[in-house]
N, C-alpha and C. Protein backbone atom coordinates (compact mmCIF):
# COMPACT_ATOMS: atom_id res chain seq x y z
N MET A 1 274.25 91.26 72.22
CA MET A 1 275.41 92.09 72.47
C MET A 1 276.20 91.59 73.68
N LYS A 2 275.45 91.09 74.65
CA LYS A 2 276.12 90.59 75.86
C LYS A 2 277.04 89.42 75.51
N GLU A 3 276.59 88.57 74.60
CA GLU A 3 277.40 87.42 74.18
C GLU A 3 278.72 87.91 73.55
N ILE A 4 278.62 88.91 72.70
CA ILE A 4 279.82 89.46 72.06
C ILE A 4 280.77 90.04 73.10
N MET A 5 280.21 90.81 74.03
CA MET A 5 281.06 91.43 75.04
C MET A 5 281.71 90.37 75.93
N ASN A 6 280.96 89.33 76.29
CA ASN A 6 281.54 88.24 77.11
C ASN A 6 282.67 87.55 76.36
N GLU A 7 282.47 87.30 75.07
CA GLU A 7 283.50 86.64 74.27
C GLU A 7 284.74 87.52 74.15
N LEU A 8 284.55 88.82 73.94
CA LEU A 8 285.70 89.74 73.88
C LEU A 8 286.46 89.78 75.20
N GLU A 9 285.72 89.82 76.30
CA GLU A 9 286.38 89.83 77.61
C GLU A 9 287.19 88.56 77.82
N ARG A 10 286.61 87.41 77.46
CA ARG A 10 287.31 86.13 77.60
C ARG A 10 288.56 86.11 76.72
N PHE A 11 288.42 86.55 75.47
CA PHE A 11 289.55 86.62 74.53
C PHE A 11 290.69 87.45 75.12
N ASN A 12 290.37 88.62 75.64
CA ASN A 12 291.40 89.51 76.19
C ASN A 12 292.00 88.98 77.48
N GLN A 13 291.18 88.38 78.33
CA GLN A 13 291.70 87.82 79.58
C GLN A 13 292.67 86.68 79.31
N GLU A 14 292.35 85.83 78.34
CA GLU A 14 293.22 84.71 78.00
C GLU A 14 294.60 85.19 77.55
N ARG A 15 294.66 86.35 76.96
CA ARG A 15 295.91 86.89 76.42
C ARG A 15 296.53 87.97 77.31
N ASP A 16 295.86 88.30 78.40
CA ASP A 16 296.29 89.36 79.31
C ASP A 16 296.46 90.69 78.57
N TRP A 17 295.46 91.03 77.78
CA TRP A 17 295.51 92.25 76.97
C TRP A 17 294.77 93.43 77.58
N GLU A 18 294.03 93.20 78.69
CA GLU A 18 293.31 94.33 79.29
C GLU A 18 294.26 95.47 79.66
N GLN A 19 295.49 95.12 79.97
CA GLN A 19 296.48 96.13 80.36
C GLN A 19 296.74 97.15 79.26
N PHE A 20 296.43 96.81 78.03
CA PHE A 20 296.66 97.71 76.90
C PHE A 20 295.41 98.51 76.52
N HIS A 21 294.32 98.26 77.22
CA HIS A 21 293.04 98.82 76.82
C HIS A 21 292.62 100.05 77.62
N ALA A 22 293.52 101.00 77.75
CA ALA A 22 293.15 102.29 78.32
C ALA A 22 292.19 102.95 77.32
N PRO A 23 291.25 103.75 77.80
CA PRO A 23 290.33 104.41 76.87
C PRO A 23 291.04 105.14 75.74
N GLU A 24 292.14 105.80 76.04
CA GLU A 24 292.89 106.52 75.00
C GLU A 24 293.38 105.55 73.92
N ASN A 25 293.91 104.41 74.33
CA ASN A 25 294.41 103.43 73.35
C ASN A 25 293.26 102.87 72.52
N LEU A 26 292.14 102.61 73.15
CA LEU A 26 291.00 102.09 72.41
C LEU A 26 290.46 103.12 71.43
N ALA A 27 290.41 104.39 71.84
CA ALA A 27 289.96 105.46 70.93
C ALA A 27 290.89 105.55 69.73
N LYS A 28 292.18 105.45 69.96
CA LYS A 28 293.14 105.46 68.85
C LYS A 28 292.89 104.27 67.92
N SER A 29 292.66 103.11 68.50
CA SER A 29 292.44 101.91 67.70
C SER A 29 291.16 102.01 66.88
N ILE A 30 290.11 102.59 67.46
CA ILE A 30 288.87 102.80 66.71
C ILE A 30 289.15 103.67 65.50
N SER A 31 289.87 104.75 65.72
CA SER A 31 290.18 105.68 64.63
C SER A 31 291.04 105.02 63.55
N ILE A 32 292.03 104.27 63.97
CA ILE A 32 292.90 103.58 63.02
C ILE A 32 292.11 102.59 62.18
N GLU A 33 291.27 101.79 62.83
CA GLU A 33 290.47 100.81 62.10
C GLU A 33 289.45 101.48 61.20
N ALA A 34 288.89 102.61 61.64
CA ALA A 34 287.95 103.36 60.79
C ALA A 34 288.68 103.87 59.55
N GLY A 35 289.92 104.27 59.70
CA GLY A 35 290.73 104.69 58.56
C GLY A 35 290.96 103.53 57.59
N GLU A 36 291.20 102.35 58.13
CA GLU A 36 291.39 101.18 57.28
C GLU A 36 290.08 100.82 56.56
N LEU A 37 288.95 101.02 57.21
CA LEU A 37 287.66 100.82 56.57
C LEU A 37 287.48 101.81 55.42
N LEU A 38 287.81 103.04 55.66
CA LEU A 38 287.71 104.07 54.62
C LEU A 38 288.65 103.78 53.45
N GLU A 39 289.80 103.21 53.76
CA GLU A 39 290.77 102.88 52.72
C GLU A 39 290.19 101.91 51.69
N CYS A 40 289.23 101.09 52.11
CA CYS A 40 288.59 100.14 51.19
C CYS A 40 287.91 100.87 50.03
N PHE A 41 287.57 102.12 50.22
CA PHE A 41 286.85 102.90 49.22
C PHE A 41 287.70 104.01 48.63
N GLN A 42 289.00 103.99 48.88
CA GLN A 42 289.88 105.11 48.56
C GLN A 42 289.82 105.57 47.11
N TRP A 43 289.91 104.67 46.17
CA TRP A 43 290.02 105.09 44.78
C TRP A 43 288.74 104.91 43.98
N ASN A 44 287.89 104.02 44.44
CA ASN A 44 286.64 103.82 43.71
C ASN A 44 285.61 103.28 44.69
N GLY A 45 284.67 104.13 45.05
CA GLY A 45 283.67 103.76 46.04
C GLY A 45 282.68 102.71 45.58
N GLU A 46 282.62 102.47 44.28
CA GLU A 46 281.68 101.49 43.76
C GLU A 46 282.33 100.13 43.50
N ASP A 47 283.63 100.09 43.44
CA ASP A 47 284.36 98.86 43.17
C ASP A 47 285.19 98.50 44.40
N PHE A 48 284.56 97.82 45.35
CA PHE A 48 285.26 97.47 46.59
C PHE A 48 285.09 95.99 46.88
N GLU A 49 285.97 95.49 47.69
CA GLU A 49 285.93 94.08 48.09
C GLU A 49 285.06 93.97 49.35
N LYS A 50 283.89 93.40 49.20
CA LYS A 50 282.96 93.33 50.32
C LYS A 50 283.57 92.64 51.53
N GLN A 51 284.27 91.53 51.34
CA GLN A 51 284.83 90.80 52.47
C GLN A 51 285.85 91.66 53.23
N GLU A 52 286.62 92.42 52.50
CA GLU A 52 287.59 93.32 53.12
C GLU A 52 286.86 94.39 53.95
N VAL A 53 285.80 94.94 53.40
CA VAL A 53 284.99 95.94 54.12
C VAL A 53 284.40 95.33 55.39
N VAL A 54 283.86 94.13 55.27
CA VAL A 54 283.24 93.46 56.41
C VAL A 54 284.27 93.21 57.52
N GLU A 55 285.46 92.80 57.15
CA GLU A 55 286.50 92.55 58.16
C GLU A 55 286.93 93.83 58.85
N GLU A 56 287.07 94.91 58.11
CA GLU A 56 287.43 96.19 58.73
C GLU A 56 286.30 96.71 59.61
N LEU A 57 285.06 96.52 59.17
CA LEU A 57 283.91 96.92 59.97
C LEU A 57 283.89 96.13 61.28
N ALA A 58 284.19 94.84 61.21
CA ALA A 58 284.26 94.02 62.42
C ALA A 58 285.33 94.54 63.36
N ASP A 59 286.47 94.97 62.83
CA ASP A 59 287.53 95.53 63.68
C ASP A 59 287.05 96.79 64.38
N VAL A 60 286.34 97.66 63.65
CA VAL A 60 285.80 98.88 64.26
C VAL A 60 284.84 98.51 65.38
N PHE A 61 283.90 97.61 65.10
CA PHE A 61 282.95 97.18 66.12
C PHE A 61 283.66 96.59 67.34
N THR A 62 284.67 95.77 67.08
CA THR A 62 285.39 95.12 68.17
C THR A 62 285.98 96.14 69.13
N TYR A 63 286.67 97.13 68.58
CA TYR A 63 287.25 98.15 69.46
C TYR A 63 286.18 99.01 70.13
N CYS A 64 285.07 99.25 69.45
CA CYS A 64 283.98 100.00 70.08
C CYS A 64 283.40 99.22 71.26
N PHE A 65 283.19 97.93 71.08
CA PHE A 65 282.70 97.10 72.17
C PHE A 65 283.71 97.04 73.32
N GLN A 66 284.99 96.98 72.97
CA GLN A 66 286.00 96.96 74.02
C GLN A 66 286.02 98.28 74.81
N MET A 67 285.74 99.39 74.13
CA MET A 67 285.63 100.67 74.82
C MET A 67 284.44 100.65 75.77
N ALA A 68 283.33 100.08 75.32
CA ALA A 68 282.15 99.97 76.18
C ALA A 68 282.46 99.12 77.42
N ILE A 69 283.19 98.04 77.22
CA ILE A 69 283.58 97.20 78.34
C ILE A 69 284.42 98.01 79.33
N LYS A 70 285.41 98.71 78.81
CA LYS A 70 286.31 99.49 79.66
C LYS A 70 285.56 100.57 80.43
N LEU A 71 284.59 101.22 79.77
CA LEU A 71 283.83 102.30 80.41
C LEU A 71 282.65 101.78 81.23
N GLU A 72 282.46 100.45 81.19
CA GLU A 72 281.37 99.80 81.92
C GLU A 72 280.01 100.37 81.54
N VAL A 73 279.78 100.45 80.22
CA VAL A 73 278.49 100.91 79.70
C VAL A 73 277.91 99.84 78.79
N ASP A 74 276.60 99.86 78.67
CA ASP A 74 275.88 98.91 77.83
C ASP A 74 275.72 99.52 76.44
N PRO A 75 276.34 98.94 75.40
CA PRO A 75 276.25 99.51 74.06
C PRO A 75 274.81 99.74 73.60
N LYS A 76 273.94 98.79 73.84
CA LYS A 76 272.54 98.93 73.43
C LYS A 76 271.92 100.16 74.08
N GLU A 77 272.14 100.30 75.37
CA GLU A 77 271.57 101.42 76.12
C GLU A 77 272.09 102.76 75.61
N ILE A 78 273.39 102.88 75.41
CA ILE A 78 273.93 104.18 75.00
C ILE A 78 273.55 104.51 73.56
N ILE A 79 273.43 103.49 72.71
CA ILE A 79 273.00 103.74 71.33
C ILE A 79 271.56 104.22 71.30
N LEU A 80 270.69 103.57 72.07
CA LEU A 80 269.29 103.98 72.10
C LEU A 80 269.12 105.38 72.70
N GLU A 81 269.89 105.68 73.74
CA GLU A 81 269.84 107.03 74.34
C GLU A 81 270.27 108.08 73.33
N LYS A 82 271.34 107.82 72.62
CA LYS A 82 271.83 108.77 71.62
C LYS A 82 270.85 108.89 70.46
N LEU A 83 270.22 107.80 70.07
CA LEU A 83 269.24 107.85 69.00
C LEU A 83 268.07 108.77 69.38
N GLU A 84 267.64 108.72 70.63
CA GLU A 84 266.55 109.60 71.08
C GLU A 84 266.97 111.07 70.97
N LYS A 85 268.19 111.40 71.35
CA LYS A 85 268.69 112.77 71.22
C LYS A 85 268.73 113.18 69.75
N THR A 86 269.19 112.27 68.91
CA THR A 86 269.30 112.56 67.48
C THR A 86 267.92 112.75 66.85
N LYS A 87 266.95 111.98 67.30
CA LYS A 87 265.58 112.16 66.80
C LYS A 87 265.07 113.56 67.08
N ARG A 88 265.40 114.09 68.25
CA ARG A 88 264.96 115.45 68.60
C ARG A 88 265.69 116.49 67.75
N LYS A 89 266.95 116.24 67.43
CA LYS A 89 267.73 117.18 66.61
C LYS A 89 267.29 117.14 65.15
N TYR A 90 266.83 115.98 64.71
CA TYR A 90 266.44 115.79 63.31
C TYR A 90 264.99 115.29 63.22
N PRO A 91 264.01 116.13 63.55
CA PRO A 91 262.62 115.68 63.45
C PRO A 91 262.27 115.34 62.00
N VAL A 92 261.46 114.32 61.83
CA VAL A 92 261.10 113.84 60.50
C VAL A 92 260.58 114.98 59.63
N GLU A 93 259.72 115.83 60.18
CA GLU A 93 259.11 116.88 59.38
C GLU A 93 260.12 117.90 58.86
N LYS A 94 261.30 117.98 59.46
CA LYS A 94 262.33 118.91 58.99
C LYS A 94 263.45 118.21 58.22
N ALA A 95 263.71 116.97 58.55
CA ALA A 95 264.92 116.32 58.05
C ALA A 95 264.69 115.24 56.99
N LYS A 96 263.47 114.87 56.74
CA LYS A 96 263.21 113.76 55.83
C LYS A 96 263.75 114.06 54.43
N GLY A 97 264.61 113.16 53.97
CA GLY A 97 265.12 113.23 52.61
C GLY A 97 266.22 114.25 52.37
N ILE A 98 266.72 114.89 53.42
CA ILE A 98 267.80 115.86 53.25
C ILE A 98 268.93 115.56 54.24
N SER A 99 270.12 116.02 53.91
CA SER A 99 271.28 115.74 54.77
C SER A 99 271.81 116.99 55.46
N THR A 100 271.00 118.01 55.56
CA THR A 100 271.40 119.27 56.19
C THR A 100 271.67 119.05 57.68
N LYS A 101 272.72 119.70 58.20
CA LYS A 101 273.03 119.59 59.61
C LYS A 101 271.89 120.19 60.44
N TYR A 102 271.67 119.62 61.61
CA TYR A 102 270.52 119.99 62.44
C TYR A 102 270.40 121.48 62.72
N ASN A 103 271.51 122.17 62.88
CA ASN A 103 271.44 123.60 63.22
C ASN A 103 271.11 124.47 62.02
N LYS A 104 270.99 123.87 60.85
CA LYS A 104 270.64 124.61 59.65
C LYS A 104 269.28 124.19 59.08
N LEU A 105 268.58 123.32 59.78
CA LEU A 105 267.26 122.89 59.33
C LEU A 105 266.26 124.03 59.49
N THR A 106 265.37 124.14 58.56
CA THR A 106 264.32 125.16 58.63
C THR A 106 262.97 124.49 58.52
N GLU A 107 261.96 125.22 58.86
CA GLU A 107 260.59 124.69 58.74
C GLU A 107 260.27 124.48 57.27
N ASN A 108 259.55 123.44 56.96
CA ASN A 108 259.12 123.18 55.57
C ASN A 108 257.93 124.02 55.22
């Protein structure tokens, strides 16, 4: 991940684009790119162009990494921290094989 973040920083510095990377702008860009990713599945979720999906996914990741750079956080660290919280909200014994929201899970 560090290699990706270093490459993104170098790419942006070469173009003097950091000035456009306020957290608000990056959040908007993440949302826009996520919409373009969703558009790949708009009319038929089973008949999609994989390369198009991969490119849109890369755009989403790129803006997410740029947000991490701007906020000076380690993506690996924040993902693992959030995963631990999510594990507590969705314990295996309650959530395995179902998609119910955590606040509606009941004992098996």
